């Protein structure tokens, strides 16, 4: 049986998250996740300045789009 402290720590990790890592790799981009009207999560988005945002269903797909940017 795992100690209670291990269970508690597992609720707060792993850190950094995949989204935080992506934000660190592309620091000039604003990265967020859409929230639908019903409160569920939507697409991952990334925006640089006033350009239209990139959108993807997963962070790995968003990373590919970001890497393809000039």
PDB file of N, CA and C in Angstrom:
ATOM      1  N   UNK A   1       0.837  -1.184   0.000  1.00  0.00           N
ATOM      2  CA  UNK A   1       0.000   0.000   0.000  1.00  0.00           C
ATOM      3  C   UNK A   1       0.886   1.253   0.000  1.00  0.00           C
ATOM      4  N   UNK A   2       0.520   2.216  -0.846  1.00  0.00           N
ATOM      5  CA  UNK A   2       1.304   3.452  -0.935  1.00  0.00           C
ATOM      6  C   UNK A   2       1.012   4.365   0.250  1.00  0.00           C
ATOM      7  N   UNK A   3       2.033   5.049   0.723  1.00  0.00           N
ATOM      8  CA  UNK A   3       1.786   6.025   1.796  1.00  0.00           C
ATOM      9  C   UNK A   3       0.855   7.136   1.308  1.00  0.00           C
ATOM     10  N   UNK A   4       0.077   7.664   2.208  1.00  0.00           N
ATOM     11  CA  UNK A   4      -0.882   8.725   1.866  1.00  0.00           C
ATOM     12  C   UNK A   4      -0.177   9.935   1.253  1.00  0.00           C
ATOM     13  N   UNK A   5       1.020  10.236   1.708  1.00  0.00           N
ATOM     14  CA  UNK A   5       1.752  11.383   1.159  1.00  0.00           C
ATOM     15  C   UNK A   5       2.063  11.175  -0.322  1.00  0.00           C
ATOM     16  N   UNK A   6       2.351   9.936  -0.733  1.00  0.00           N
ATOM     17  CA  UNK A   6       2.593   9.652  -2.152  1.00  0.00           C
ATOM     18  C   UNK A   6       1.331   9.877  -2.969  1.00  0.00           C
ATOM     19  N   UNK A   7       0.194   9.466  -2.428  1.00  0.00           N
ATOM     20  CA  UNK A   7      -1.077   9.678  -3.125  1.00  0.00           C
ATOM     21  C   UNK A   7      -1.358  11.169  -3.274  1.00  0.00           C
ATOM     22  N   UNK A   8      -1.113  11.929  -2.211  1.00  0.00           N
ATOM     23  CA  UNK A   8      -1.350  13.376  -2.250  1.00  0.00           C
ATOM     24  C   UNK A   8      -0.430  14.034  -3.281  1.00  0.00           C
ATOM     25  N   UNK A   9       0.844  13.651  -3.286  1.00  0.00           N
ATOM     26  CA  UNK A   9       1.796  14.225  -4.234  1.00  0.00           C
ATOM     27  C   UNK A   9       1.428  13.888  -5.674  1.00  0.00           C
ATOM     28  N   UNK A  10       0.871  12.706  -5.897  1.00  0.00           N
ATOM     29  CA  UNK A  10       0.487  12.300  -7.249  1.00  0.00           C
ATOM     30  C   UNK A  10      -0.630  13.175  -7.802  1.00  0.00           C
ATOM     31  N   UNK A  11      -1.421  13.778  -6.929  1.00  0.00           N
ATOM     32  CA  UNK A  11      -2.496  14.666  -7.375  1.00  0.00           C
ATOM     33  C   UNK A  11      -1.961  15.983  -7.924  1.00  0.00           C
ATOM     34  N   UNK A  12      -0.742  16.290  -7.611  1.00  0.00           N
ATOM     35  CA  UNK A  12      -0.162  17.583  -7.984  1.00  0.00           C
ATOM     36  C   UNK A  12       0.975  17.438  -8.980  1.00  0.00           C
ATOM     37  N   UNK A  13       0.888  16.504  -9.866  1.00  0.00           N
ATOM     38  CA  UNK A  13       1.973  16.317 -10.813  1.00  0.00           C
ATOM     39  C   UNK A  13       1.524  15.488 -11.981  1.00  0.00           C
ATOM     40  N   UNK A  14       2.313  15.179 -12.909  1.00  0.00           N
ATOM     41  CA  UNK A  14       3.737  15.515 -12.951  1.00  0.00           C
ATOM     42  C   UNK A  14       3.951  16.980 -13.321  1.00  0.00           C
ATOM     43  N   UNK A  15       5.066  17.494 -12.868  1.00  0.00           N
ATOM     44  CA  UNK A  15       5.404  18.884 -13.165  1.00  0.00           C
ATOM     45  C   UNK A  15       6.751  18.927 -13.846  1.00  0.00           C
ATOM     46  N   UNK A  16       6.974  19.737 -14.785  1.00  0.00           N
ATOM     47  CA  UNK A  16       5.975  20.581 -15.436  1.00  0.00           C
ATOM     48  C   UNK A  16       5.059  19.755 -16.332  1.00  0.00           C
ATOM     49  N   UNK A  17       3.900  20.325 -16.622  1.00  0.00           N
ATOM     50  CA  UNK A  17       2.957  19.644 -17.501  1.00  0.00           C
ATOM     51  C   UNK A  17       3.414  19.774 -18.947  1.00  0.00           C
ATOM     52  N   UNK A  18       2.817  18.990 -19.815  1.00  0.00           N
ATOM     53  CA  UNK A  18       3.154  19.067 -21.243  1.00  0.00           C
ATOM     54  C   UNK A  18       2.856  20.463 -21.788  1.00  0.00           C
ATOM     55  N   UNK A  19       1.775  21.076 -21.316  1.00  0.00           N
ATOM     56  CA  UNK A  19       1.432  22.432 -21.767  1.00  0.00           C
ATOM     57  C   UNK A  19       2.479  23.442 -21.303  1.00  0.00           C
ATOM     58  N   UNK A  20       2.980  23.291 -20.083  1.00  0.00           N
ATOM     59  CA  UNK A  20       4.014  24.196 -19.576  1.00  0.00           C
ATOM     60  C   UNK A  20       5.320  24.024 -20.341  1.00  0.00           C
ATOM     61  N   UNK A  21       5.640  22.817 -20.694  1.00  0.00           N
ATOM     62  CA  UNK A  21       6.847  22.565 -21.488  1.00  0.00           C
ATOM     63  C   UNK A  21       6.718  23.232 -22.849  1.00  0.00           C
ATOM     64  N   UNK A  22       5.552  23.080 -23.481  1.00  0.00           N
ATOM     65  CA  UNK A  22       5.323  23.696 -24.791  1.00  0.00           C
ATOM     66  C   UNK A  22       5.424  25.216 -24.694  1.00  0.00           C
ATOM     67  N   UNK A  23       4.840  25.795 -23.657  1.00  0.00           N
ATOM     68  CA  UNK A  23       4.920  27.249 -23.470  1.00  0.00           C
ATOM     69  C   UNK A  23       6.372  27.697 -23.286  1.00  0.00           C
ATOM     70  N   UNK A  24       7.181  26.884 -22.629  1.00  0.00           N
ATOM     71  CA  UNK A  24       8.595  27.206 -22.466  1.00  0.00           C
ATOM     72  C   UNK A  24       9.376  27.116 -23.766  1.00  0.00           C
ATOM     73  N   UNK A  25       8.964  26.208 -24.641  1.00  0.00           N
ATOM     74  CA  UNK A  25       9.632  26.050 -25.935  1.00  0.00           C
ATOM     75  C   UNK A  25       9.276  27.177 -26.899  1.00  0.00           C
ATOM     76  N   UNK A  26       8.106  27.781 -26.707  1.00  0.00           N
ATOM     77  CA  UNK A  26       7.629  28.856 -27.582  1.00  0.00           C
ATOM     78  C   UNK A  26       7.191  30.036 -26.714  1.00  0.00           C
ATOM     79  N   UNK A  27       8.159  30.721 -26.084  1.00  0.00           N
ATOM     80  CA  UNK A  27       7.822  31.735 -25.079  1.00  0.00           C
ATOM     81  C   UNK A  27       7.100  32.966 -25.614  1.00  0.00           C
ATOM     82  N   UNK A  28       7.183  33.247 -26.891  1.00  0.00           N
ATOM     83  CA  UNK A  28       6.523  34.439 -27.425  1.00  0.00           C
ATOM     84  C   UNK A  28       5.069  34.182 -27.785  1.00  0.00           C
ATOM     85  N   UNK A  29       4.670  32.928 -27.741  1.00  0.00           N
ATOM     86  CA  UNK A  29       3.307  32.540 -28.087  1.00  0.00           C
ATOM     87  C   UNK A  29       2.452  32.445 -26.827  1.00  0.00           C
ATOM     88  N   UNK A  30       1.201  32.892 -26.940  1.00  0.00           N
ATOM     89  CA  UNK A  30       0.229  32.669 -25.872  1.00  0.00           C
ATOM     90  C   UNK A  30      -0.430  31.321 -26.154  1.00  0.00           C
ATOM     91  N   UNK A  31      -0.418  30.422 -25.192  1.00  0.00           N
ATOM     92  CA  UNK A  31      -0.959  29.075 -25.381  1.00  0.00           C
ATOM     93  C   UNK A  31      -2.057  28.847 -24.346  1.00  0.00           C
ATOM     94  N   UNK A  32      -3.204  28.373 -24.804  1.00  0.00           N
ATOM     95  CA  UNK A  32      -4.330  28.116 -23.912  1.00  0.00           C
ATOM     96  C   UNK A  32      -5.209  27.018 -24.485  1.00  0.00           C
ATOM     97  N   UNK A  33      -6.178  26.616 -23.705  1.00  0.00           N
ATOM     98  CA  UNK A  33      -7.140  25.617 -24.159  1.00  0.00           C
ATOM     99  C   UNK A  33      -8.527  26.233 -24.143  1.00  0.00           C
ATOM    100  N   UNK A  34      -9.241  26.063 -25.249  1.00  0.00           N
ATOM    101  CA  UNK A  34     -10.598  26.583 -25.329  1.00  0.00           C
ATOM    102  C   UNK A  34     -11.505  25.856 -24.338  1.00  0.00           C
ATOM    103  N   UNK A  35     -12.521  26.562 -23.893  1.00  0.00           N
ATOM    104  CA  UNK A  35     -13.549  25.934 -23.081  1.00  0.00           C
ATOM    105  C   UNK A  35     -14.879  26.112 -23.804  1.00  0.00           C
ATOM    106  N   UNK A  36     -15.557  25.001 -24.016  1.00  0.00           N
ATOM    107  CA  UNK A  36     -16.841  25.033 -24.712  1.00  0.00           C
ATOM    108  C   UNK A  36     -17.925  25.600 -23.796  1.00  0.00           C
ATOM    109  N   UNK A  37     -19.055  25.950 -24.392  1.00  0.00           N
ATOM    110  CA  UNK A  37     -20.162  26.509 -23.621  1.00  0.00           C
ATOM    111  C   UNK A  37     -20.634  25.578 -22.513  1.00  0.00           C
ATOM    112  N   UNK A  38     -20.496  24.263 -22.721  1.00  0.00           N
ATOM    113  CA  UNK A  38     -20.934  23.310 -21.695  1.00  0.00           C
ATOM    114  C   UNK A  38     -19.866  23.066 -20.627  1.00  0.00           C
ATOM    115  N   UNK A  39     -18.747  23.797 -20.711  1.00  0.00           N
ATOM    116  CA  UNK A  39     -17.697  23.694 -19.707  1.00  0.00           C
ATOM    117  C   UNK A  39     -16.631  22.657 -19.993  1.00  0.00           C
ATOM    118  N   UNK A  40     -16.789  21.876 -21.061  1.00  0.00           N
ATOM    119  CA  UNK A  40     -15.781  20.877 -21.394  1.00  0.00           C
ATOM    120  C   UNK A  40     -14.638  21.530 -22.167  1.00  0.00           C
ATOM    121  N   UNK A  41     -13.506  20.836 -22.205  1.00  0.00           N
ATOM    122  CA  UNK A  41     -12.342  21.370 -22.911  1.00  0.00           C
ATOM    123  C   UNK A  41     -12.502  21.241 -24.415  1.00  0.00           C
ATOM    124  N   UNK A  42     -11.994  22.249 -25.109  1.00  0.00           N
ATOM    125  CA  UNK A  42     -11.979  22.234 -26.561  1.00  0.00           C
ATOM    126  C   UNK A  42     -10.555  22.098 -27.069  1.00  0.00           C
ATOM    127  N   UNK A  43     -10.275  22.762 -28.183  1.00  0.00           N
ATOM    128  CA  UNK A  43      -8.963  22.682 -28.812  1.00  0.00           C
ATOM    129  C   UNK A  43      -7.903  23.431 -28.011  1.00  0.00           C
ATOM    130  N   UNK A  44      -6.660  23.011 -28.223  1.00  0.00           N
ATOM    131  CA  UNK A  44      -5.512  23.767 -27.747  1.00  0.00           C
ATOM    132  C   UNK A  44      -5.254  24.865 -28.769  1.00  0.00           C
ATOM    133  N   UNK A  45      -4.881  26.051 -28.301  1.00  0.00           N
ATOM    134  CA  UNK A  45      -4.678  27.198 -29.181  1.00  0.00           C
ATOM    135  C   UNK A  45      -3.340  27.859 -28.868  1.00  0.00           C
ATOM    136  N   UNK A  46      -2.776  28.483 -29.892  1.00  0.00           N
ATOM    137  CA  UNK A  46      -1.550  29.265 -29.727  1.00  0.00           C
ATOM    138  C   UNK A  46      -1.672  30.488 -30.618  1.00  0.00           C
ATOM    139  N   UNK A  47      -1.297  31.640 -30.065  1.00  0.00           N
ATOM    140  CA  UNK A  47      -1.417  32.874 -30.828  1.00  0.00           C
ATOM    141  C   UNK A  47      -0.184  33.730 -30.608  1.00  0.00           C
ATOM    142  N   UNK A  48       0.295  34.286 -31.699  1.00  0.00           N
ATOM    143  CA  UNK A  48       1.439  35.192 -31.667  1.00  0.00           C
ATOM    144  C   UNK A  48       0.940  36.572 -32.066  1.00  0.00           C
ATOM    145  N   UNK A  49       0.948  37.495 -31.126  1.00  0.00           N
ATOM    146  CA  UNK A  49       0.484  38.844 -31.406  1.00  0.00           C
ATOM    147  C   UNK A  49      -0.978  38.864 -31.807  1.00  0.00           C
ATOM    148  N   UNK A  50      -1.270  39.618 -32.871  1.00  0.00           N
ATOM    149  CA  UNK A  50      -2.659  39.734 -33.329  1.00  0.00           C
ATOM    150  C   UNK A  50      -2.973  38.778 -34.476  1.00  0.00           C
ATOM    151  N   UNK A  51      -2.055  37.864 -34.775  1.00  0.00           N
ATOM    152  CA  UNK A  51      -2.297  36.872 -35.827  1.00  0.00           C
ATOM    153  C   UNK A  51      -3.424  35.934 -35.408  1.00  0.00           C
ATOM    154  N   UNK A  52      -4.110  35.329 -36.380  1.00  0.00           N
ATOM    155  CA  UNK A  52      -5.142  34.343 -36.026  1.00  0.00           C
ATOM    156  C   UNK A  52      -4.512  33.179 -35.256  1.00  0.00           C
ATOM    157  N   UNK A  53      -5.215  32.641 -34.272  1.00  0.00           N
ATOM    158  CA  UNK A  53      -4.632  31.549 -33.491  1.00  0.00           C
ATOM    159  C   UNK A  53      -4.544  30.246 -34.269  1.00  0.00           C
ATOM    160  N   UNK A  54      -3.524  29.460 -33.937  1.00  0.00           N
ATOM    161  CA  UNK A  54      -3.432  28.085 -34.414  1.00  0.00           C
ATOM    162  C   UNK A  54      -4.296  27.249 -33.477  1.00  0.00           C
ATOM    163  N   UNK A  55      -4.936  26.203 -34.001  1.00  0.00           N
ATOM    164  CA  UNK A  55      -5.785  25.346 -33.170  1.00  0.00           C
ATOM    165  C   UNK A  55      -5.496  23.890 -33.482  1.00  0.00           C
ATOM    166  N   UNK A  56      -5.509  23.059 -32.435  1.00  0.00           N
ATOM    167  CA  UNK A  56      -5.270  21.624 -32.596  1.00  0.00           C
ATOM    168  C   UNK A  56      -5.962  20.871 -31.464  1.00  0.00           C
ATOM    169  N   UNK A  57      -6.319  19.630 -31.755  1.00  0.00           N
ATOM    170  CA  UNK A  57      -7.001  18.798 -30.761  1.00  0.00           C
ATOM    171  C   UNK A  57      -6.057  18.310 -29.666  1.00  0.00           C
ATOM    172  N   UNK A  58      -4.753  18.250 -29.956  1.00  0.00           N
ATOM    173  CA  UNK A  58      -3.795  17.767 -28.953  1.00  0.00           C
ATOM    174  C   UNK A  58      -2.588  18.698 -28.901  1.00  0.00           C
ATOM    175  N   UNK A  59      -1.869  18.627 -27.793  1.00  0.00           N
ATOM    176  CA  UNK A  59      -0.661  19.440 -27.665  1.00  0.00           C
ATOM    177  C   UNK A  59       0.411  19.015 -28.654  1.00  0.00           C
ATOM    178  N   UNK A  60       0.503  17.730 -28.946  1.00  0.00           N
ATOM    179  CA  UNK A  60       1.513  17.282 -29.911  1.00  0.00           C
ATOM    180  C   UNK A  60       1.199  17.823 -31.302  1.00  0.00           C
ATOM    181  N   UNK A  61      -0.081  17.873 -31.668  1.00  0.00           N
ATOM    182  CA  UNK A  61      -0.451  18.460 -32.960  1.00  0.00           C
ATOM    183  C   UNK A  61      -0.184  19.964 -32.970  1.00  0.00           C
ATOM    184  N   UNK A  62      -0.444  20.629 -31.858  1.00  0.00           N
ATOM    185  CA  UNK A  62      -0.171  22.063 -31.776  1.00  0.00           C
ATOM    186  C   UNK A  62       1.331  22.312 -31.878  1.00  0.00           C
ATOM    187  N   UNK A  63       2.143  21.478 -31.228  1.00  0.00           N
ATOM    188  CA  UNK A  63       3.602  21.608 -31.314  1.00  0.00           C
ATOM    189  C   UNK A  63       4.064  21.507 -32.771  1.00  0.00           C
ATOM    190  N   UNK A  64       3.509  20.556 -33.519  1.00  0.00           N
ATOM    191  CA  UNK A  64       3.874  20.410 -34.932  1.00  0.00           C
ATOM    192  C   UNK A  64       3.543  21.675 -35.710  1.00  0.00           C
ATOM    193  N   UNK A  65       2.376  22.254 -35.447  1.00  0.00           N
ATOM    194  CA  UNK A  65       2.002  23.489 -36.134  1.00  0.00           C
ATOM    195  C   UNK A  65       2.947  24.627 -35.763  1.00  0.00           C
ATOM    196  N   UNK A  66       3.291  24.727 -34.497  1.00  0.00           N
ATOM    197  CA  UNK A  66       4.204  25.781 -34.060  1.00  0.00           C
ATOM    198  C   UNK A  66       5.583  25.619 -34.694  1.00  0.00           C
ATOM    199  N   UNK A  67       6.061  24.402 -34.779  1.00  0.00           N
ATOM    200  CA  UNK A  67       7.379  24.154 -35.375  1.00  0.00           C
ATOM    201  C   UNK A  67       7.389  24.475 -36.864  1.00  0.00           C
ATOM    202  N   UNK A  68       6.240  24.407 -37.514  1.00  0.00           N
ATOM    203  CA  UNK A  68       6.156  24.685 -38.947  1.00  0.00           C
ATOM    204  C   UNK A  68       6.062  26.181 -39.248  1.00  0.00           C
ATOM    205  N   UNK A  69       5.916  27.007 -38.213  1.00  0.00           N
ATOM    206  CA  UNK A  69       5.803  28.448 -38.426  1.00  0.00           C
ATOM    207  C   UNK A  69       7.156  29.035 -38.802  1.00  0.00           C
ATOM    208  N   UNK A  70       7.139  30.043 -39.692  1.00  0.00           N
ATOM    209  CA  UNK A  70       8.414  30.676 -40.086  1.00  0.00           C
ATOM    210  C   UNK A  70       9.064  31.444 -38.952  1.00  0.00           C
TER     211      UNK A  70
END
